[in-house]
Amino acid sequence: MTDKTNDPVAMWQKMMGEMEKGFNSFANQAMSSPEFSQAMNRAGGVAAGAQKQLGDLMEKYLVTMNLPSREQVTGLAERLQAIEGQIGEIKLMLSQIAASAGVAQGTDSALRPPRTKRPPSENGGQT
């Protein structure tokens, strides 16, 4: 093996390790100060305010363009899911009622009205 004192990779790894330790200690000292936490709090508040303003502006734009907002689409989706759930419950109740009444399931012929209209005859008139 090569000598550790003359190995450039080992020297590079040692140098990077020392730089990382120094940076970590500096960052820990900076983050422990109250000024840093105040600055981060202000930055977070500014970002939240900007996001709220952008959301309000986008909603006004969508209203102007007569388009639904994300909240409106989400509300519609929730209402649609509730309606689908109710339809599923109604289908289940109807199938239970049909089973108790003795109607064969899977056939729609019992639910259809009788055909009273006849197809036209060969001479063009109805019989």
C-alpha atoms as a PDB file:
ATOM      1  CA  MET A   1       0.000   0.000   0.000  1.00  0.00           C
ATOM      2  CA  THR A   2       1.042   3.616  -0.384  1.00  0.00           C
ATOM      3  CA  ASP A   3       2.284   5.792   2.420  1.00  0.00           C
ATOM      4  CA  LYS A   4      -0.543   7.760   4.128  1.00  0.00           C
ATOM      5  CA  THR A   5       1.579  10.928   4.372  1.00  0.00           C
ATOM      6  CA  ASN A   6       2.080  11.129   0.584  1.00  0.00           C
ATOM      7  CA  ASP A   7      -1.378   9.904  -0.502  1.00  0.00           C
ATOM      8  CA  PRO A   8      -3.224  12.843  -2.153  1.00  0.00           C
ATOM      9  CA  VAL A   9      -6.653  11.236  -1.647  1.00  0.00           C
ATOM     10  CA  ALA A  10      -6.048  10.825   2.080  1.00  0.00           C
ATOM     11  CA  MET A  11      -4.833  14.426   2.349  1.00  0.00           C
ATOM     12  CA  TRP A  12      -7.932  15.614   0.449  1.00  0.00           C
ATOM     13  CA  GLN A  13     -10.237  13.593   2.738  1.00  0.00           C
ATOM     14  CA  LYS A  14      -8.507  14.990   5.842  1.00  0.00           C
ATOM     15  CA  MET A  15      -8.750  18.551   4.518  1.00  0.00           C
ATOM     16  CA  MET A  16     -12.450  18.136   3.660  1.00  0.00           C
ATOM     17  CA  GLY A  17     -13.125  16.637   7.105  1.00  0.00           C
ATOM     18  CA  GLU A  18     -11.473  19.594   8.827  1.00  0.00           C
ATOM     19  CA  MET A  19     -13.392  22.062   6.651  1.00  0.00           C
ATOM     20  CA  GLU A  20     -16.649  20.292   7.445  1.00  0.00           C
ATOM     21  CA  LYS A  21     -15.954  20.366  11.186  1.00  0.00           C
ATOM     22  CA  GLY A  22     -15.175  24.090  11.001  1.00  0.00           C
ATOM     23  CA  PHE A  23     -18.298  24.843   9.009  1.00  0.00           C
ATOM     24  CA  ASN A  24     -20.470  22.787  11.374  1.00  0.00           C
ATOM     25  CA  SER A  25     -19.124  24.582  14.448  1.00  0.00           C
ATOM     26  CA  PHE A  26     -19.656  27.984  12.778  1.00  0.00           C
ATOM     27  CA  ALA A  27     -23.204  27.052  11.723  1.00  0.00           C
ATOM     28  CA  ASN A  28     -24.042  25.750  15.210  1.00  0.00           C
ATOM     29  CA  GLN A  29     -22.829  28.986  16.792  1.00  0.00           C
ATOM     30  CA  ALA A  30     -24.772  31.082  14.275  1.00  0.00           C
ATOM     31  CA  MET A  31     -27.981  29.096  14.689  1.00  0.00           C
ATOM     32  CA  SER A  32     -27.825  29.228  18.486  1.00  0.00           C
ATOM     33  CA  SER A  33     -27.908  33.037  18.492  1.00  0.00           C
ATOM     34  CA  PRO A  34     -31.255  34.780  19.046  1.00  0.00           C
ATOM     35  CA  GLU A  35     -30.614  37.062  16.056  1.00  0.00           C
ATOM     36  CA  PHE A  36     -30.566  34.059  13.728  1.00  0.00           C
ATOM     37  CA  SER A  37     -33.859  32.703  15.059  1.00  0.00           C
ATOM     38  CA  GLN A  38     -35.457  36.172  14.754  1.00  0.00           C
ATOM     39  CA  ALA A  39     -34.240  36.510  11.170  1.00  0.00           C
ATOM     40  CA  MET A  40     -35.558  33.052  10.262  1.00  0.00           C
ATOM     41  CA  ASN A  41     -38.885  33.865  11.918  1.00  0.00           C
ATOM     42  CA  ARG A  42     -39.165  37.098   9.926  1.00  0.00           C
ATOM     43  CA  ALA A  43     -38.242  35.316   6.701  1.00  0.00           C
ATOM     44  CA  GLY A  44     -40.889  32.670   7.352  1.00  0.00           C
ATOM     45  CA  GLY A  45     -43.489  35.359   8.069  1.00  0.00           C
ATOM     46  CA  VAL A  46     -42.630  37.213   4.877  1.00  0.00           C
ATOM     47  CA  ALA A  47     -42.847  34.007   2.845  1.00  0.00           C
ATOM     48  CA  ALA A  48     -46.217  33.119   4.369  1.00  0.00           C
ATOM     49  CA  GLY A  49     -47.555  36.607   3.691  1.00  0.00           C
ATOM     50  CA  ALA A  50     -46.358  36.516   0.097  1.00  0.00           C
ATOM     51  CA  GLN A  51     -47.948  33.100  -0.406  1.00  0.00           C
ATOM     52  CA  LYS A  52     -51.271  34.350   0.987  1.00  0.00           C
ATOM     53  CA  GLN A  53     -51.189  37.418  -1.264  1.00  0.00           C
ATOM     54  CA  LEU A  54     -50.428  35.253  -4.288  1.00  0.00           C
ATOM     55  CA  GLY A  55     -53.312  32.928  -3.385  1.00  0.00           C
ATOM     56  CA  ASP A  56     -55.711  35.869  -3.039  1.00  0.00           C
ATOM     57  CA  LEU A  57     -54.525  37.350  -6.320  1.00  0.00           C
ATOM     58  CA  MET A  58     -54.897  34.009  -8.103  1.00  0.00           C
ATOM     59  CA  GLU A  59     -58.420  33.565  -6.720  1.00  0.00           C
ATOM     60  CA  LYS A  60     -59.415  37.040  -7.934  1.00  0.00           C
ATOM     61  CA  TYR A  61     -57.961  36.224 -11.345  1.00  0.00           C
ATOM     62  CA  LEU A  62     -59.907  32.966 -11.540  1.00  0.00           C
ATOM     63  CA  VAL A  63     -63.131  34.740 -10.536  1.00  0.00           C
ATOM     64  CA  THR A  64     -62.483  37.332 -13.247  1.00  0.00           C
ATOM     65  CA  MET A  65     -61.923  34.576 -15.813  1.00  0.00           C
ATOM     66  CA  ASN A  66     -65.063  32.774 -14.559  1.00  0.00           C
ATOM     67  CA  LEU A  67     -63.041  29.687 -13.594  1.00  0.00           C
ATOM     68  CA  PRO A  68     -63.360  27.652 -10.377  1.00  0.00           C
ATOM     69  CA  SER A  69     -60.684  27.960  -7.721  1.00  0.00           C
ATOM     70  CA  ARG A  70     -58.894  24.987  -6.186  1.00  0.00           C
ATOM     71  CA  GLU A  71     -61.110  25.163  -3.106  1.00  0.00           C
ATOM     72  CA  GLN A  72     -64.240  25.126  -5.254  1.00  0.00           C
ATOM     73  CA  VAL A  73     -63.027  22.124  -7.257  1.00  0.00           C
ATOM     74  CA  THR A  74     -62.116  20.319  -4.039  1.00  0.00           C
ATOM     75  CA  GLY A  75     -65.576  21.097  -2.646  1.00  0.00           C
ATOM     76  CA  LEU A  76     -67.204  19.731  -5.793  1.00  0.00           C
ATOM     77  CA  ALA A  77     -65.113  16.561  -5.583  1.00  0.00           C
ATOM     78  CA  GLU A  78     -66.144  16.020  -1.949  1.00  0.00           C
ATOM     79  CA  ARG A  79     -69.818  16.559  -2.788  1.00  0.00           C
ATOM     80  CA  LEU A  80     -69.529  14.168  -5.730  1.00  0.00           C
ATOM     81  CA  GLN A  81     -67.992  11.489  -3.512  1.00  0.00           C
ATOM     82  CA  ALA A  82     -70.836  11.923  -1.019  1.00  0.00           C
ATOM     83  CA  ILE A  83     -73.410  11.587  -3.814  1.00  0.00           C
ATOM     84  CA  GLU A  84     -71.672   8.479  -5.162  1.00  0.00           C
ATOM     85  CA  GLY A  85     -71.727   6.976  -1.679  1.00  0.00           C
ATOM     86  CA  GLN A  86     -75.446   7.656  -1.362  1.00  0.00           C
ATOM     87  CA  ILE A  87     -76.089   6.101  -4.778  1.00  0.00           C
ATOM     88  CA  GLY A  88     -74.156   3.022  -3.699  1.00  0.00           C
ATOM     89  CA  GLU A  89     -76.285   2.755  -0.563  1.00  0.00           C
ATOM     90  CA  ILE A  90     -79.478   3.144  -2.633  1.00  0.00           C
ATOM     91  CA  LYS A  91     -78.327   0.396  -5.020  1.00  0.00           C
ATOM     92  CA  LEU A  92     -77.620  -1.888  -2.082  1.00  0.00           C
ATOM     93  CA  MET A  93     -81.047  -1.241  -0.576  1.00  0.00           C
ATOM     94  CA  LEU A  94     -82.743  -1.808  -3.940  1.00  0.00           C
ATOM     95  CA  SER A  95     -80.916  -5.085  -4.460  1.00  0.00           C
ATOM     96  CA  GLN A  96     -81.925  -6.198  -0.952  1.00  0.00           C
ATOM     97  CA  ILE A  97     -85.544  -5.259  -1.646  1.00  0.00           C
ATOM     98  CA  ALA A  98     -85.439  -7.077  -4.988  1.00  0.00           C
ATOM     99  CA  ALA A  99     -83.928 -10.164  -3.350  1.00  0.00           C
ATOM    100  CA  SER A 100     -86.618 -10.220  -0.669  1.00  0.00           C
ATOM    101  CA  ALA A 101     -89.331  -9.757  -3.322  1.00  0.00           C
ATOM    102  CA  GLY A 102     -87.983 -12.662  -5.362  1.00  0.00           C
ATOM    103  CA  VAL A 103     -86.951 -10.686  -8.453  1.00  0.00           C
ATOM    104  CA  ALA A 104     -84.050 -12.292 -10.300  1.00  0.00           C
ATOM    105  CA  GLN A 105     -80.970 -10.125 -10.025  1.00  0.00           C
ATOM    106  CA  GLY A 106     -78.889  -9.218 -13.031  1.00  0.00           C
ATOM    107  CA  THR A 107     -81.879  -9.000 -15.373  1.00  0.00           C
ATOM    108  CA  ASP A 108     -83.367  -5.675 -16.264  1.00  0.00           C
ATOM    109  CA  SER A 109     -86.384  -7.225 -18.024  1.00  0.00           C
ATOM    110  CA  ALA A 110     -88.452  -7.135 -14.837  1.00  0.00           C
ATOM    111  CA  LEU A 111     -87.794  -3.408 -14.503  1.00  0.00           C
ATOM    112  CA  ARG A 112     -88.510  -2.519 -18.148  1.00  0.00           C
ATOM    113  CA  PRO A 113     -91.985  -1.647 -19.388  1.00  0.00           C
ATOM    114  CA  PRO A 114     -93.543  -3.985 -21.955  1.00  0.00           C
ATOM    115  CA  ARG A 115     -92.945  -3.275 -25.638  1.00  0.00           C
ATOM    116  CA  THR A 116     -96.250  -2.257 -27.188  1.00  0.00           C
ATOM    117  CA  LYS A 117     -94.973  -0.692 -30.395  1.00  0.00           C
ATOM    118  CA  ARG A 118     -94.565  -3.142 -33.266  1.00  0.00           C
ATOM    119  CA  PRO A 119     -92.048  -2.827 -36.106  1.00  0.00           C
ATOM    120  CA  PRO A 120     -93.488  -1.829 -39.508  1.00  0.00           C
ATOM    121  CA  SER A 121     -94.704  -4.652 -41.766  1.00  0.00           C
ATOM    122  CA  GLU A 122     -93.260  -5.387 -45.166  1.00  0.00           C
ATOM    123  CA  ASN A 123     -95.889  -3.375 -47.048  1.00  0.00           C
ATOM    124  CA  GLY A 124     -94.878  -0.177 -45.172  1.00  0.00           C
ATOM    125  CA  GLY A 125     -97.759   0.143 -42.756  1.00  0.00           C
ATOM    126  CA  GLN A 126     -98.143  -0.926 -39.183  1.00  0.00           C
ATOM    127  CA  THR A 127    -100.257  -3.897 -38.299  1.00  0.00           C
END
